[in-house]
Amino acid sequence: MESLEAELERARDLDVAALADAIEAIGFECTRCGACCKADDEDPHTATVFPDEVRDLQGEDRDWRDVARPMPYGLTDGADGPEGETFEWALQTDGCGDCTFYTEDDDGEGACTVHEDRPLICRTYPFSVALAGTSQPMGEAVESADLEGQGDAGDDADLVRAHECEGLGRDISRADAEALAAALKERAVRELTEAIGVRDEYEPADPDPGEVVVHDSEGAKSPDGTQHGS
């Protein structure tokens, strides 16, 4: 397996035109069904958001907790709620487990209330990049294309992966494919940069009972986004 630094260099070398070719080969048009923003059966919506993206969404009117929650993986249920250590942040959810920024009109058509500022993971869904087969982000893929747009490829190829979405297989304009491809490359670079930062900043926090500590690229934090122990 390649080091994170090697993967980062591969991500920086990704060709946007080739990414767009692969996206065109798969095809996509958002149907505004809202499935990618809503809870899945019993599991709440979980989408990773970077620390600076949280601050962008905060603006002047929102607290950190209005935007993000600790990623639930690794936490346990204590007497007073979740406790323990985890890595990274997820977009906040409402009482139904849907993304807190998701809304529907009377006809059930979905919309994002922060569409212009939505995180990269939202801008690029249902696509992700697997570099040299080393990563499988966002769970299982339902389709993939190599960066020549030729369909499934071997384990050592850079792939565009498509995840479950009813909008797959639809025609997409070249301009939209290129815009999505540029965001996909940016996300691949950002995810690896963040992962390296988390690795380099990590120190075990040994949280107290009932306490949650979140490790991101800026260090250990409390659920309200402040530095842990400050």
C-alpha atoms as a PDB file:
ATOM      1  CA  MET A   1       0.000   0.000   0.000  1.00  0.00           C
ATOM      2  CA  GLU A   2       1.259   3.456  -0.860  1.00  0.00           C
ATOM      3  CA  SER A   3       2.012   5.983   1.841  1.00  0.00           C
ATOM      4  CA  LEU A   4      -0.406   8.854   2.353  1.00  0.00           C
ATOM      5  CA  GLU A   5       2.220  11.199   0.926  1.00  0.00           C
ATOM      6  CA  ALA A   6       2.509   9.096  -2.236  1.00  0.00           C
ATOM      7  CA  GLU A   7      -1.266   9.018  -2.586  1.00  0.00           C
ATOM      8  CA  LEU A   8      -1.362  12.789  -2.159  1.00  0.00           C
ATOM      9  CA  GLU A   9       1.081  13.233  -5.030  1.00  0.00           C
ATOM     10  CA  ARG A  10      -1.075  10.962  -7.185  1.00  0.00           C
ATOM     11  CA  ALA A  11      -4.111  13.041  -6.273  1.00  0.00           C
ATOM     12  CA  ARG A  12      -2.324  16.269  -7.188  1.00  0.00           C
ATOM     13  CA  ASP A  13      -1.401  14.736 -10.553  1.00  0.00           C
ATOM     14  CA  LEU A  14      -4.978  13.741 -11.420  1.00  0.00           C
ATOM     15  CA  ASP A  15      -6.029  15.054 -14.820  1.00  0.00           C
ATOM     16  CA  VAL A  16      -9.353  16.907 -14.646  1.00  0.00           C
ATOM     17  CA  ALA A  17     -10.141  16.147 -18.293  1.00  0.00           C
ATOM     18  CA  ALA A  18      -9.639  12.414 -17.687  1.00  0.00           C
ATOM     19  CA  LEU A  19     -11.818  12.585 -14.581  1.00  0.00           C
ATOM     20  CA  ALA A  20     -14.500  14.326 -16.648  1.00  0.00           C
ATOM     21  CA  ASP A  21     -14.230  11.621 -19.327  1.00  0.00           C
ATOM     22  CA  ALA A  22     -14.842   8.938 -16.686  1.00  0.00           C
ATOM     23  CA  ILE A  23     -17.789  10.852 -15.243  1.00  0.00           C
ATOM     24  CA  GLU A  24     -19.278  11.224 -18.727  1.00  0.00           C
ATOM     25  CA  ALA A  25     -18.797   7.497 -19.347  1.00  0.00           C
ATOM     26  CA  ILE A  26     -20.801   6.678 -16.213  1.00  0.00           C
ATOM     27  CA  GLY A  27     -23.317   9.506 -16.587  1.00  0.00           C
ATOM     28  CA  PHE A  28     -25.125  11.466 -13.908  1.00  0.00           C
ATOM     29  CA  GLU A  29     -27.904  13.975 -13.341  1.00  0.00           C
ATOM     30  CA  CYS A  30     -29.185  14.957  -9.903  1.00  0.00           C
ATOM     31  CA  THR A  31     -32.894  14.118  -9.572  1.00  0.00           C
ATOM     32  CA  ARG A  32     -33.214  15.972  -6.240  1.00  0.00           C
ATOM     33  CA  CYS A  33     -34.563  12.822  -4.602  1.00  0.00           C
ATOM     34  CA  GLY A  34     -32.721  13.707  -1.374  1.00  0.00           C
ATOM     35  CA  ALA A  35     -31.531  10.157  -0.725  1.00  0.00           C
ATOM     36  CA  CYS A  36     -27.925  11.294  -0.221  1.00  0.00           C
ATOM     37  CA  CYS A  37     -29.038  13.831   2.414  1.00  0.00           C
ATOM     38  CA  LYS A  38     -31.412  11.683   4.454  1.00  0.00           C
ATOM     39  CA  ALA A  39     -31.086   8.998   7.089  1.00  0.00           C
ATOM     40  CA  ASP A  40     -30.645   5.441   5.835  1.00  0.00           C
ATOM     41  CA  ASP A  41     -33.078   3.147   7.639  1.00  0.00           C
ATOM     42  CA  GLU A  42     -31.939   3.311  11.272  1.00  0.00           C
ATOM     43  CA  ASP A  43     -28.649   5.104  10.595  1.00  0.00           C
ATOM     44  CA  PRO A  44     -28.474   8.914  10.561  1.00  0.00           C
ATOM     45  CA  HIS A  45     -27.002  10.771   7.608  1.00  0.00           C
ATOM     46  CA  THR A  46     -23.209  10.749   7.968  1.00  0.00           C
ATOM     47  CA  ALA A  47     -21.075  12.919   5.663  1.00  0.00           C
ATOM     48  CA  THR A  48     -17.546  14.026   6.480  1.00  0.00           C
ATOM     49  CA  VAL A  49     -16.917  17.766   6.712  1.00  0.00           C
ATOM     50  CA  PHE A  50     -13.488  19.411   7.029  1.00  0.00           C
ATOM     51  CA  PRO A  51     -12.813  21.880   9.879  1.00  0.00           C
ATOM     52  CA  ASP A  52     -12.571  24.876   7.545  1.00  0.00           C
ATOM     53  CA  GLU A  53     -15.806  23.830   5.843  1.00  0.00           C
ATOM     54  CA  VAL A  54     -17.499  23.844   9.251  1.00  0.00           C
ATOM     55  CA  ARG A  55     -16.317  27.411   9.798  1.00  0.00           C
ATOM     56  CA  ASP A  56     -17.526  28.435   6.325  1.00  0.00           C
ATOM     57  CA  LEU A  57     -20.989  27.051   7.117  1.00  0.00           C
ATOM     58  CA  GLN A  58     -21.027  28.675  10.536  1.00  0.00           C
ATOM     59  CA  GLY A  59     -20.966  32.164   9.133  1.00  0.00           C
ATOM     60  CA  GLU A  60     -22.112  34.693  11.737  1.00  0.00           C
ATOM     61  CA  ASP A  61     -25.296  32.944  12.828  1.00  0.00           C
ATOM     62  CA  ARG A  62     -24.391  29.343  13.662  1.00  0.00           C
ATOM     63  CA  ASP A  63     -22.446  27.651  16.412  1.00  0.00           C
ATOM     64  CA  TRP A  64     -20.034  24.820  15.600  1.00  0.00           C
ATOM     65  CA  ARG A  65     -22.553  22.271  16.883  1.00  0.00           C
ATOM     66  CA  ASP A  66     -25.219  23.667  14.551  1.00  0.00           C
ATOM     67  CA  VAL A  67     -23.039  22.570  11.636  1.00  0.00           C
ATOM     68  CA  ALA A  68     -21.079  19.510  12.741  1.00  0.00           C
ATOM     69  CA  ARG A  69     -21.122  16.607  15.153  1.00  0.00           C
ATOM     70  CA  PRO A  70     -18.364  14.157  16.117  1.00  0.00           C
ATOM     71  CA  MET A  71     -18.055  11.301  13.669  1.00  0.00           C
ATOM     72  CA  PRO A  72     -19.878   8.484  15.516  1.00  0.00           C
ATOM     73  CA  TYR A  73     -17.441   5.712  14.615  1.00  0.00           C
ATOM     74  CA  GLY A  74     -15.336   4.680  17.587  1.00  0.00           C
ATOM     75  CA  LEU A  75     -17.598   6.239  20.198  1.00  0.00           C
ATOM     76  CA  THR A  76     -19.448   4.150  22.753  1.00  0.00           C
ATOM     77  CA  ASP A  77     -22.729   4.707  24.574  1.00  0.00           C
ATOM     78  CA  GLY A  78     -22.063   5.923  28.087  1.00  0.00           C
ATOM     79  CA  ALA A  79     -24.494   6.639  30.900  1.00  0.00           C
ATOM     80  CA  ASP A  80     -24.983  10.205  29.664  1.00  0.00           C
ATOM     81  CA  GLY A  81     -24.597   9.654  25.933  1.00  0.00           C
ATOM     82  CA  PRO A  82     -21.696   9.031  23.522  1.00  0.00           C
ATOM     83  CA  GLU A  83     -18.176   9.026  24.912  1.00  0.00           C
ATOM     84  CA  GLY A  84     -14.642   8.263  23.803  1.00  0.00           C
ATOM     85  CA  GLU A  85     -12.331   9.356  20.989  1.00  0.00           C
ATOM     86  CA  THR A  86     -13.130   9.636  17.295  1.00  0.00           C
ATOM     87  CA  PHE A  87     -11.660  11.098  14.125  1.00  0.00           C
ATOM     88  CA  GLU A  88     -13.146  13.880  12.014  1.00  0.00           C
ATOM     89  CA  TRP A  89     -16.536  15.565  11.858  1.00  0.00           C
ATOM     90  CA  ALA A  90     -19.870  14.734  10.261  1.00  0.00           C
ATOM     91  CA  LEU A  91     -22.492  17.202   9.129  1.00  0.00           C
ATOM     92  CA  GLN A  92     -25.065  17.797  11.851  1.00  0.00           C
ATOM     93  CA  THR A  93     -28.403  16.005  11.616  1.00  0.00           C
ATOM     94  CA  ASP A  94     -31.958  16.874  12.623  1.00  0.00           C
ATOM     95  CA  GLY A  95     -34.334  14.878  14.811  1.00  0.00           C
ATOM     96  CA  CYS A  96     -35.085  12.509  11.917  1.00  0.00           C
ATOM     97  CA  GLY A  97     -31.427  11.800  11.213  1.00  0.00           C
ATOM     98  CA  ASP A  98     -31.423  13.842   7.981  1.00  0.00           C
ATOM     99  CA  CYS A  99     -28.767  16.442   7.206  1.00  0.00           C
ATOM    100  CA  THR A 100     -29.690  19.580   9.109  1.00  0.00           C
ATOM    101  CA  PHE A 101     -29.371  21.625   5.898  1.00  0.00           C
ATOM    102  CA  TYR A 102     -31.775  19.442   3.891  1.00  0.00           C
ATOM    103  CA  THR A 103     -35.290  20.553   3.102  1.00  0.00           C
ATOM    104  CA  GLU A 104     -38.177  19.341   0.926  1.00  0.00           C
ATOM    105  CA  ASP A 105     -40.968  21.179  -0.819  1.00  0.00           C
ATOM    106  CA  ASP A 106     -44.593  20.044  -0.791  1.00  0.00           C
ATOM    107  CA  ASP A 107     -43.946  17.733  -3.760  1.00  0.00           C
ATOM    108  CA  GLY A 108     -41.106  15.958  -1.971  1.00  0.00           C
ATOM    109  CA  GLU A 109     -38.370  17.523  -4.082  1.00  0.00           C
ATOM    110  CA  GLY A 110     -35.211  18.002  -2.049  1.00  0.00           C
ATOM    111  CA  ALA A 111     -32.968  21.025  -1.732  1.00  0.00           C
ATOM    112  CA  CYS A 112     -29.903  22.130   0.208  1.00  0.00           C
ATOM    113  CA  THR A 113     -30.291  25.338   2.192  1.00  0.00           C
ATOM    114  CA  VAL A 114     -26.522  25.995   1.989  1.00  0.00           C
ATOM    115  CA  HIS A 115     -26.081  24.831  -1.595  1.00  0.00           C
ATOM    116  CA  GLU A 116     -23.472  27.422  -2.573  1.00  0.00           C
ATOM    117  CA  ASP A 117     -21.331  26.581   0.481  1.00  0.00           C
ATOM    118  CA  ARG A 118     -21.955  22.841   0.677  1.00  0.00           C
ATOM    119  CA  PRO A 119     -18.923  20.673   1.523  1.00  0.00           C
ATOM    120  CA  LEU A 120     -16.867  18.899  -1.116  1.00  0.00           C
ATOM    121  CA  ILE A 121     -18.320  15.502  -0.239  1.00  0.00           C
ATOM    122  CA  CYS A 122     -21.747  16.878  -1.156  1.00  0.00           C
ATOM    123  CA  ARG A 123     -20.505  18.646  -4.291  1.00  0.00           C
ATOM    124  CA  THR A 124     -19.057  15.401  -5.636  1.00  0.00           C
ATOM    125  CA  TYR A 125     -21.661  12.801  -4.647  1.00  0.00           C
ATOM    126  CA  PRO A 126     -22.201  10.120  -5.961  1.00  0.00           C
ATOM    127  CA  PHE A 127     -18.586   9.989  -7.165  1.00  0.00           C
ATOM    128  CA  SER A 128     -15.279   9.350  -5.427  1.00  0.00           C
ATOM    129  CA  VAL A 129     -11.724   8.639  -6.543  1.00  0.00           C
ATOM    130  CA  ALA A 130      -9.763   5.497  -5.702  1.00  0.00           C
ATOM    131  CA  LEU A 131      -6.062   6.038  -6.272  1.00  0.00           C
ATOM    132  CA  ALA A 132      -4.257   2.933  -7.516  1.00  0.00           C
ATOM    133  CA  GLY A 133      -6.936   0.835  -5.849  1.00  0.00           C
ATOM    134  CA  THR A 134      -5.676   1.840  -2.413  1.00  0.00           C
ATOM    135  CA  SER A 135      -8.877   3.517  -1.191  1.00  0.00           C
ATOM    136  CA  GLN A 136     -12.564   2.674  -1.242  1.00  0.00           C
ATOM    137  CA  PRO A 137     -14.167   5.852   0.078  1.00  0.00           C
ATOM    138  CA  MET A 138     -17.873   6.133   0.810  1.00  0.00           C
ATOM    139  CA  GLY A 139     -18.445   2.384   0.917  1.00  0.00           C
ATOM    140  CA  GLU A 140     -19.131   0.021  -1.947  1.00  0.00           C
ATOM    141  CA  ALA A 141     -19.238   1.316  -5.515  1.00  0.00           C
ATOM    142  CA  VAL A 142     -21.955   0.257  -7.947  1.00  0.00           C
ATOM    143  CA  GLU A 143     -19.890   1.226 -10.984  1.00  0.00           C
ATOM    144  CA  SER A 144     -16.396   2.450 -11.773  1.00  0.00           C
ATOM    145  CA  ALA A 145     -14.387   3.754 -14.698  1.00  0.00           C
ATOM    146  CA  ASP A 146     -10.651   4.162 -15.174  1.00  0.00           C
ATOM    147  CA  LEU A 147      -9.282   7.546 -16.111  1.00  0.00           C
ATOM    148  CA  GLU A 148      -9.429   6.663 -19.779  1.00  0.00           C
ATOM    149  CA  GLY A 149     -13.189   6.215 -19.395  1.00  0.00           C
ATOM    150  CA  GLN A 150     -12.964   2.570 -20.399  1.00  0.00           C
ATOM    151  CA  GLY A 151     -14.981   0.946 -17.635  1.00  0.00           C
ATOM    152  CA  ASP A 152     -13.696  -1.309 -14.851  1.00  0.00           C
ATOM    153  CA  ALA A 153      -9.920  -1.586 -14.564  1.00  0.00           C
ATOM    154  CA  GLY A 154      -7.342  -3.445 -12.517  1.00  0.00           C
ATOM    155  CA  ASP A 155      -6.363  -2.907  -8.903  1.00  0.00           C
ATOM    156  CA  ASP A 156      -3.400  -0.665  -9.798  1.00  0.00           C
ATOM    157  CA  ALA A 157      -5.460   1.851 -11.801  1.00  0.00           C
ATOM    158  CA  ASP A 158      -6.812   5.200 -10.644  1.00  0.00           C
ATOM    159  CA  LEU A 159     -10.583   4.891 -10.705  1.00  0.00           C
ATOM    160  CA  VAL A 160     -13.626   7.097 -10.569  1.00  0.00           C
ATOM    161  CA  ARG A 161     -16.167   5.224  -8.471  1.00  0.00           C
ATOM    162  CA  ALA A 162     -19.914   5.785  -8.573  1.00  0.00           C
ATOM    163  CA  HIS A 163     -21.978   5.024  -5.490  1.00  0.00           C
ATOM    164  CA  GLU A 164     -25.646   4.195  -5.253  1.00  0.00           C
ATOM    165  CA  CYS A 165     -27.784   7.001  -6.699  1.00  0.00           C
ATOM    166  CA  GLU A 166     -30.858   7.021  -8.924  1.00  0.00           C
ATOM    167  CA  GLY A 167     -29.290   9.785 -11.038  1.00  0.00           C
ATOM    168  CA  LEU A 168     -26.505   7.554 -12.396  1.00  0.00           C
ATOM    169  CA  GLY A 169     -26.530   6.639 -16.085  1.00  0.00           C
ATOM    170  CA  ARG A 170     -28.116   9.906 -17.196  1.00  0.00           C
ATOM    171  CA  ASP A 171     -26.597  12.279 -19.706  1.00  0.00           C
ATOM    172  CA  ILE A 172     -24.303  14.969 -18.308  1.00  0.00           C
ATOM    173  CA  SER A 173     -22.982  17.973 -20.197  1.00  0.00           C
ATOM    174  CA  ARG A 174     -19.255  18.356 -20.702  1.00  0.00           C
ATOM    175  CA  ALA A 175     -19.266  21.591 -18.714  1.00  0.00           C
ATOM    176  CA  ASP A 176     -21.007  19.924 -15.756  1.00  0.00           C
ATOM    177  CA  ALA A 177     -18.696  16.896 -15.972  1.00  0.00           C
ATOM    178  CA  GLU A 178     -15.629  19.140 -15.895  1.00  0.00           C
ATOM    179  CA  ALA A 179     -16.940  21.163 -12.943  1.00  0.00           C
ATOM    180  CA  LEU A 180     -17.680  17.956 -11.038  1.00  0.00           C
ATOM    181  CA  ALA A 181     -14.263  16.564 -12.007  1.00  0.00           C
ATOM    182  CA  ALA A 182     -12.476  19.658 -10.688  1.00  0.00           C
ATOM    183  CA  ALA A 183     -14.318  19.355  -7.374  1.00  0.00           C
ATOM    184  CA  LEU A 184     -13.539  15.621  -7.257  1.00  0.00           C
ATOM    185  CA  LYS A 185      -9.820  16.287  -7.666  1.00  0.00           C
ATOM    186  CA  GLU A 186      -9.950  19.005  -5.004  1.00  0.00           C
ATOM    187  CA  ARG A 187     -11.711  16.619  -2.636  1.00  0.00           C
ATOM    188  CA  ALA A 188      -9.168  13.837  -3.231  1.00  0.00           C
ATOM    189  CA  VAL A 189      -6.328  16.242  -2.410  1.00  0.00           C
ATOM    190  CA  ARG A 190      -8.132  17.658   0.636  1.00  0.00           C
ATOM    191  CA  GLU A 191      -9.005  14.244   2.073  1.00  0.00           C
ATOM    192  CA  LEU A 192      -5.388  13.109   1.921  1.00  0.00           C
ATOM    193  CA  THR A 193      -4.057  16.416   3.246  1.00  0.00           C
ATOM    194  CA  GLU A 194      -6.490  16.134   6.153  1.00  0.00           C
ATOM    195  CA  ALA A 195      -5.531  12.496   6.795  1.00  0.00           C
ATOM    196  CA  ILE A 196      -1.854  13.428   6.946  1.00  0.00           C
ATOM    197  CA  GLY A 197      -2.662  16.287   9.320  1.00  0.00           C
ATOM    198  CA  VAL A 198      -4.695  14.011  11.591  1.00  0.00           C
ATOM    199  CA  ARG A 199      -1.874  11.488  11.675  1.00  0.00           C
ATOM    200  CA  ASP A 200       0.745  14.119  12.466  1.00  0.00           C
ATOM    201  CA  GLU A 201      -1.329  15.923  15.115  1.00  0.00           C
ATOM    202  CA  TYR A 202      -2.714  12.858  16.882  1.00  0.00           C
ATOM    203  CA  GLU A 203      -1.951  12.304  20.533  1.00  0.00           C
ATOM    204  CA  PRO A 204      -4.119  10.019  22.717  1.00  0.00           C
ATOM    205  CA  ALA A 205      -6.461  12.213  24.740  1.00  0.00           C
ATOM    206  CA  ASP A 206      -7.627   9.735  27.395  1.00  0.00           C
ATOM    207  CA  PRO A 207     -11.096  11.322  27.741  1.00  0.00           C
ATOM    208  CA  ASP A 208     -12.962  11.236  31.011  1.00  0.00           C
ATOM    209  CA  PRO A 209     -16.188   9.171  31.334  1.00  0.00           C
ATOM    210  CA  GLY A 210     -18.966  10.921  29.427  1.00  0.00           C
ATOM    211  CA  GLU A 211     -16.468  12.996  27.422  1.00  0.00           C
ATOM    212  CA  VAL A 212     -16.010  13.028  23.643  1.00  0.00           C
ATOM    213  CA  VAL A 213     -12.761  14.043  21.956  1.00  0.00           C
ATOM    214  CA  VAL A 214     -12.510  14.564  18.199  1.00  0.00           C
ATOM    215  CA  HIS A 215      -9.157  14.377  16.436  1.00  0.00           C
ATOM    216  CA  ASP A 216      -8.824  16.367  13.215  1.00  0.00           C
ATOM    217  CA  SER A 217      -5.919  17.996  11.362  1.00  0.00           C
ATOM    218  CA  GLU A 218      -5.915  20.865  13.868  1.00  0.00           C
ATOM    219  CA  GLY A 219      -5.524  18.647  16.912  1.00  0.00           C
ATOM    220  CA  ALA A 220      -7.826  17.269  19.610  1.00  0.00           C
ATOM    221  CA  LYS A 221     -11.125  19.101  20.046  1.00  0.00           C
ATOM    222  CA  SER A 222     -14.255  19.060  22.142  1.00  0.00           C
ATOM    223  CA  PRO A 223     -17.635  18.611  20.406  1.00  0.00           C
ATOM    224  CA  ASP A 224     -18.114  22.387  20.312  1.00  0.00           C
ATOM    225  CA  GLY A 225     -15.048  22.751  18.104  1.00  0.00           C
ATOM    226  CA  THR A 226     -12.762  24.247  20.747  1.00  0.00           C
ATOM    227  CA  GLN A 227      -9.355  22.753  21.465  1.00  0.00           C
ATOM    228  CA  HIS A 228      -9.625  19.933  23.973  1.00  0.00           C
ATOM    229  CA  GLY A 229      -8.444  20.985  27.405  1.00  0.00           C
ATOM    230  CA  SER A 230      -8.528  24.698  26.647  1.00  0.00           C
END
